[in-house]
Amino acid sequence: MLMLGLGLALHRHVPSDAPAIVTVTFALAFAWVLATPWSMPWYTALACALAVLFRSARLTQCLIVATAALALLHNSGGHGWAQWALRRVHDLPGARKTVT
């Protein structure tokens, strides 16, 4: 349901000069990337390939930001800076402590 809602919202922002099959497929592909609980950076490849077929700088920028965020989050593999950041958040005053 979330993916379909996002797809509908994204489809409203796609320019109408592109063919309907391209705009609908782009909207659903981008919504799938945003709505899935586990997503890899290369999952945006379909949306990127379709984005070149129409002119929408704002949607393309959003797609680039989503791809970059996924790449940065996946790059650490759960180690390095991501673990450091999670420890810092865990150590904040008022943070819920877990017993280990």
N, C-alpha and C. Protein backbone atom coordinates (compact mmCIF):
# COMPACT_ATOMS: atom_id res chain seq x y z
N MET A 1 0.82 -1.18 0.00
CA MET A 1 0.00 0.00 0.00
C MET A 1 0.87 1.26 0.00
N LEU A 2 1.93 1.22 0.81
CA LEU A 2 2.83 2.37 0.86
C LEU A 2 3.47 2.62 -0.49
N MET A 3 3.90 1.55 -1.14
CA MET A 3 4.54 1.69 -2.45
C MET A 3 3.57 2.28 -3.47
N LEU A 4 2.34 1.81 -3.47
CA LEU A 4 1.37 2.34 -4.42
C LEU A 4 1.04 3.81 -4.15
N GLY A 5 0.96 4.17 -2.87
CA GLY A 5 0.72 5.57 -2.52
C GLY A 5 1.87 6.46 -2.95
N LEU A 6 3.10 6.00 -2.69
CA LEU A 6 4.27 6.76 -3.14
C LEU A 6 4.34 6.83 -4.66
N GLY A 7 4.01 5.72 -5.31
CA GLY A 7 4.01 5.70 -6.77
C GLY A 7 3.02 6.70 -7.35
N LEU A 8 1.83 6.78 -6.76
CA LEU A 8 0.84 7.75 -7.23
C LEU A 8 1.32 9.18 -7.01
N ALA A 9 1.90 9.44 -5.84
CA ALA A 9 2.41 10.78 -5.55
C ALA A 9 3.55 11.15 -6.50
N LEU A 10 4.45 10.21 -6.76
CA LEU A 10 5.56 10.48 -7.68
C LEU A 10 5.06 10.67 -9.11
N HIS A 11 4.07 9.91 -9.50
CA HIS A 11 3.55 10.02 -10.87
C HIS A 11 2.94 11.39 -11.13
N ARG A 12 2.41 12.00 -10.11
CA ARG A 12 1.84 13.36 -10.27
C ARG A 12 2.90 14.40 -10.56
N HIS A 13 4.15 14.13 -10.16
CA HIS A 13 5.24 15.10 -10.35
C HIS A 13 6.04 14.85 -11.62
N VAL A 14 5.76 13.78 -12.32
CA VAL A 14 6.46 13.48 -13.57
C VAL A 14 5.84 14.32 -14.68
N PRO A 15 6.66 14.93 -15.54
CA PRO A 15 6.11 15.74 -16.64
C PRO A 15 5.20 14.91 -17.55
N SER A 16 4.19 15.55 -18.09
CA SER A 16 3.22 14.83 -18.91
C SER A 16 3.68 14.65 -20.36
N ASP A 17 4.84 15.21 -20.73
CA ASP A 17 5.30 15.07 -22.12
C ASP A 17 5.91 13.69 -22.41
N ALA A 18 6.20 12.92 -21.38
CA ALA A 18 6.76 11.58 -21.56
C ALA A 18 5.63 10.56 -21.75
N PRO A 19 5.92 9.46 -22.43
CA PRO A 19 4.90 8.41 -22.61
C PRO A 19 4.44 7.86 -21.25
N ALA A 20 3.19 7.46 -21.18
CA ALA A 20 2.61 6.98 -19.93
C ALA A 20 3.32 5.74 -19.41
N ILE A 21 3.73 4.85 -20.30
CA ILE A 21 4.40 3.63 -19.85
C ILE A 21 5.71 3.95 -19.14
N VAL A 22 6.41 4.98 -19.58
CA VAL A 22 7.67 5.38 -18.96
C VAL A 22 7.41 6.02 -17.60
N THR A 23 6.43 6.91 -17.53
CA THR A 23 6.18 7.62 -16.27
C THR A 23 5.64 6.70 -15.19
N VAL A 24 4.76 5.80 -15.56
CA VAL A 24 4.20 4.87 -14.58
C VAL A 24 5.28 3.91 -14.08
N THR A 25 6.09 3.40 -14.99
CA THR A 25 7.16 2.48 -14.60
C THR A 25 8.19 3.18 -13.72
N PHE A 26 8.55 4.42 -14.07
CA PHE A 26 9.49 5.17 -13.24
C PHE A 26 8.92 5.40 -11.84
N ALA A 27 7.67 5.82 -11.77
CA ALA A 27 7.06 6.11 -10.47
C ALA A 27 7.01 4.86 -9.59
N LEU A 28 6.66 3.73 -10.18
CA LEU A 28 6.60 2.49 -9.39
C LEU A 28 7.99 1.99 -9.00
N ALA A 29 8.97 2.14 -9.89
CA ALA A 29 10.33 1.71 -9.56
C ALA A 29 10.94 2.56 -8.45
N PHE A 30 10.73 3.87 -8.52
CA PHE A 30 11.27 4.76 -7.50
C PHE A 30 10.53 4.54 -6.18
N ALA A 31 9.21 4.35 -6.23
CA ALA A 31 8.44 4.09 -5.02
C ALA A 31 8.87 2.78 -4.37
N TRP A 32 9.19 1.78 -5.18
CA TRP A 32 9.65 0.51 -4.64
C TRP A 32 10.95 0.69 -3.87
N VAL A 33 11.87 1.49 -4.42
CA VAL A 33 13.14 1.75 -3.74
C VAL A 33 12.90 2.45 -2.40
N LEU A 34 11.98 3.39 -2.37
CA LEU A 34 11.72 4.14 -1.15
C LEU A 34 10.94 3.35 -0.12
N ALA A 35 10.10 2.41 -0.56
CA ALA A 35 9.20 1.73 0.36
C ALA A 35 9.73 0.41 0.90
N THR A 36 10.70 -0.18 0.25
CA THR A 36 11.17 -1.48 0.71
C THR A 36 11.97 -1.34 1.99
N PRO A 37 11.79 -2.30 2.92
CA PRO A 37 12.53 -2.21 4.18
C PRO A 37 14.03 -2.49 4.01
N TRP A 38 14.41 -3.24 2.99
CA TRP A 38 15.82 -3.51 2.74
C TRP A 38 16.10 -3.20 1.28
N SER A 39 16.96 -2.25 1.03
CA SER A 39 17.22 -1.80 -0.33
C SER A 39 18.71 -1.61 -0.55
N MET A 40 19.17 -2.02 -1.68
CA MET A 40 20.57 -1.85 -2.06
C MET A 40 20.69 -0.69 -3.04
N PRO A 41 21.87 -0.06 -3.10
CA PRO A 41 22.03 1.11 -3.98
C PRO A 41 21.75 0.81 -5.44
N TRP A 42 22.07 -0.38 -5.90
CA TRP A 42 21.91 -0.69 -7.32
C TRP A 42 20.44 -0.98 -7.67
N TYR A 43 19.55 -1.02 -6.70
CA TYR A 43 18.13 -1.20 -7.00
C TYR A 43 17.55 0.03 -7.69
N THR A 44 18.24 1.15 -7.62
CA THR A 44 17.74 2.37 -8.27
C THR A 44 18.08 2.41 -9.76
N ALA A 45 18.75 1.40 -10.27
CA ALA A 45 19.18 1.40 -11.67
C ALA A 45 18.02 1.51 -12.64
N LEU A 46 16.92 0.81 -12.38
CA LEU A 46 15.77 0.88 -13.28
C LEU A 46 15.18 2.29 -13.29
N ALA A 47 15.04 2.89 -12.12
CA ALA A 47 14.50 4.25 -12.06
C ALA A 47 15.46 5.24 -12.74
N CYS A 48 16.76 5.05 -12.59
CA CYS A 48 17.74 5.93 -13.25
C CYS A 48 17.66 5.80 -14.77
N ALA A 49 17.52 4.58 -15.24
CA ALA A 49 17.42 4.37 -16.69
C ALA A 49 16.17 5.02 -17.26
N LEU A 50 15.09 5.01 -16.51
CA LEU A 50 13.84 5.63 -16.99
C LEU A 50 13.85 7.14 -16.82
N ALA A 51 14.60 7.63 -15.84
CA ALA A 51 14.62 9.08 -15.58
C ALA A 51 15.23 9.86 -16.74
N VAL A 52 16.08 9.23 -17.53
CA VAL A 52 16.70 9.95 -18.64
C VAL A 52 15.73 10.15 -19.80
N LEU A 53 14.58 9.49 -19.76
CA LEU A 53 13.62 9.59 -20.86
C LEU A 53 12.66 10.77 -20.73
N PHE A 54 12.72 11.49 -19.63
CA PHE A 54 11.89 12.68 -19.48
C PHE A 54 12.65 13.74 -18.71
N ARG A 55 12.12 14.95 -18.74
CA ARG A 55 12.80 16.07 -18.08
C ARG A 55 12.12 16.39 -16.76
N SER A 56 12.80 16.13 -15.69
CA SER A 56 12.34 16.52 -14.36
C SER A 56 13.56 16.57 -13.46
N ALA A 57 14.12 17.75 -13.36
CA ALA A 57 15.35 17.90 -12.58
C ALA A 57 15.11 17.58 -11.11
N ARG A 58 13.95 17.94 -10.59
CA ARG A 58 13.68 17.71 -9.17
C ARG A 58 13.61 16.21 -8.85
N LEU A 59 12.89 15.45 -9.67
CA LEU A 59 12.82 14.00 -9.42
C LEU A 59 14.17 13.33 -9.62
N THR A 60 14.93 13.80 -10.59
CA THR A 60 16.26 13.23 -10.81
C THR A 60 17.16 13.53 -9.61
N GLN A 61 17.07 14.73 -9.07
CA GLN A 61 17.86 15.07 -7.89
C GLN A 61 17.46 14.21 -6.69
N CYS A 62 16.18 13.98 -6.52
CA CYS A 62 15.71 13.12 -5.42
C CYS A 62 16.23 11.70 -5.61
N LEU A 63 16.25 11.23 -6.83
CA LEU A 63 16.75 9.89 -7.13
C LEU A 63 18.24 9.79 -6.85
N ILE A 64 18.99 10.82 -7.19
CA ILE A 64 20.43 10.84 -6.93
C ILE A 64 20.70 10.85 -5.43
N VAL A 65 19.94 11.64 -4.68
CA VAL A 65 20.11 11.68 -3.22
C VAL A 65 19.77 10.33 -2.60
N ALA A 66 18.70 9.69 -3.06
CA ALA A 66 18.34 8.38 -2.54
C ALA A 66 19.42 7.35 -2.85
N THR A 67 19.96 7.38 -4.06
CA THR A 67 21.03 6.45 -4.43
C THR A 67 22.29 6.68 -3.60
N ALA A 68 22.64 7.95 -3.41
CA ALA A 68 23.83 8.28 -2.61
C ALA A 68 23.64 7.85 -1.15
N ALA A 69 22.47 8.09 -0.60
CA ALA A 69 22.22 7.68 0.79
C ALA A 69 22.29 6.17 0.94
N LEU A 70 21.69 5.45 0.01
CA LEU A 70 21.76 3.98 0.05
C LEU A 70 23.20 3.50 -0.09
N ALA A 71 23.97 4.14 -0.96
CA ALA A 71 25.37 3.74 -1.16
C ALA A 71 26.19 3.99 0.10
N LEU A 72 25.99 5.12 0.74
CA LEU A 72 26.73 5.42 1.97
C LEU A 72 26.35 4.49 3.10
N LEU A 73 25.07 4.19 3.23
CA LEU A 73 24.64 3.28 4.29
C LEU A 73 25.10 1.85 4.03
N HIS A 74 25.11 1.45 2.78
CA HIS A 74 25.53 0.08 2.46
C HIS A 74 27.05 -0.07 2.50
N ASN A 75 27.76 1.01 2.27
CA ASN A 75 29.21 0.98 2.20
C ASN A 75 29.84 0.49 3.49
N SER A 76 29.26 0.86 4.63
CA SER A 76 29.87 0.48 5.90
C SER A 76 29.63 -0.98 6.23
N GLY A 77 28.59 -1.56 5.70
CA GLY A 77 28.29 -2.96 5.99
C GLY A 77 27.99 -3.21 7.45
N GLY A 78 27.56 -2.18 8.16
CA GLY A 78 27.26 -2.32 9.58
C GLY A 78 28.48 -2.14 10.46
N HIS A 79 29.58 -1.73 9.88
CA HIS A 79 30.82 -1.54 10.65
C HIS A 79 31.31 -0.12 10.43
N GLY A 80 32.36 0.21 11.09
CA GLY A 80 32.99 1.51 10.87
C GLY A 80 32.16 2.67 11.40
N TRP A 81 31.94 3.66 10.56
CA TRP A 81 31.28 4.89 11.01
C TRP A 81 29.84 4.65 11.42
N ALA A 82 29.16 3.67 10.85
CA ALA A 82 27.77 3.42 11.23
C ALA A 82 27.70 2.91 12.66
N GLN A 83 28.59 1.99 13.03
CA GLN A 83 28.61 1.49 14.40
C GLN A 83 29.01 2.60 15.36
N TRP A 84 29.95 3.43 14.97
CA TRP A 84 30.36 4.55 15.81
C TRP A 84 29.19 5.48 16.06
N ALA A 85 28.44 5.80 15.00
CA ALA A 85 27.30 6.70 15.14
C ALA A 85 26.22 6.08 16.03
N LEU A 86 25.97 4.79 15.88
CA LEU A 86 24.97 4.14 16.71
C LEU A 86 25.39 4.13 18.18
N ARG A 87 26.68 3.93 18.45
CA ARG A 87 27.15 3.98 19.84
C ARG A 87 26.97 5.38 20.41
N ARG A 88 27.24 6.41 19.60
CA ARG A 88 27.09 7.79 20.08
C ARG A 88 25.63 8.10 20.39
N VAL A 89 24.72 7.63 19.57
CA VAL A 89 23.30 7.86 19.83
C VAL A 89 22.88 7.10 21.08
N HIS A 90 23.41 5.90 21.24
CA HIS A 90 23.07 5.08 22.41
C HIS A 90 23.56 5.75 23.69
N ASP A 91 24.68 6.46 23.64
CA ASP A 91 25.26 7.09 24.83
C ASP A 91 24.66 8.45 25.15
N LEU A 92 23.72 8.94 24.36
CA LEU A 92 23.11 10.23 24.64
C LEU A 92 22.31 10.18 25.93
N PRO A 93 22.28 11.32 26.67
CA PRO A 93 21.44 11.35 27.88
C PRO A 93 19.97 11.11 27.52
N GLY A 94 19.31 10.31 28.29
CA GLY A 94 17.91 10.02 28.04
C GLY A 94 17.69 8.88 27.08
N ALA A 95 18.77 8.36 26.48
CA ALA A 95 18.62 7.23 25.55
C ALA A 95 18.30 5.98 26.34
N ARG A 96 17.49 5.13 25.80
CA ARG A 96 17.12 3.89 26.47
C ARG A 96 18.31 2.94 26.46
N LYS A 97 18.70 2.51 27.63
CA LYS A 97 19.85 1.62 27.75
C LYS A 97 19.39 0.16 27.71
N THR A 98 20.20 -0.65 27.07
CA THR A 98 19.91 -2.08 27.03
C THR A 98 20.91 -2.81 27.90
N VAL A 99 20.48 -3.89 28.45
CA VAL A 99 21.36 -4.70 29.29
C VAL A 99 22.09 -5.68 28.41
N THR A 100 23.41 -5.67 28.50
CA THR A 100 24.19 -6.61 27.69
C THR A 100 25.00 -7.51 28.55
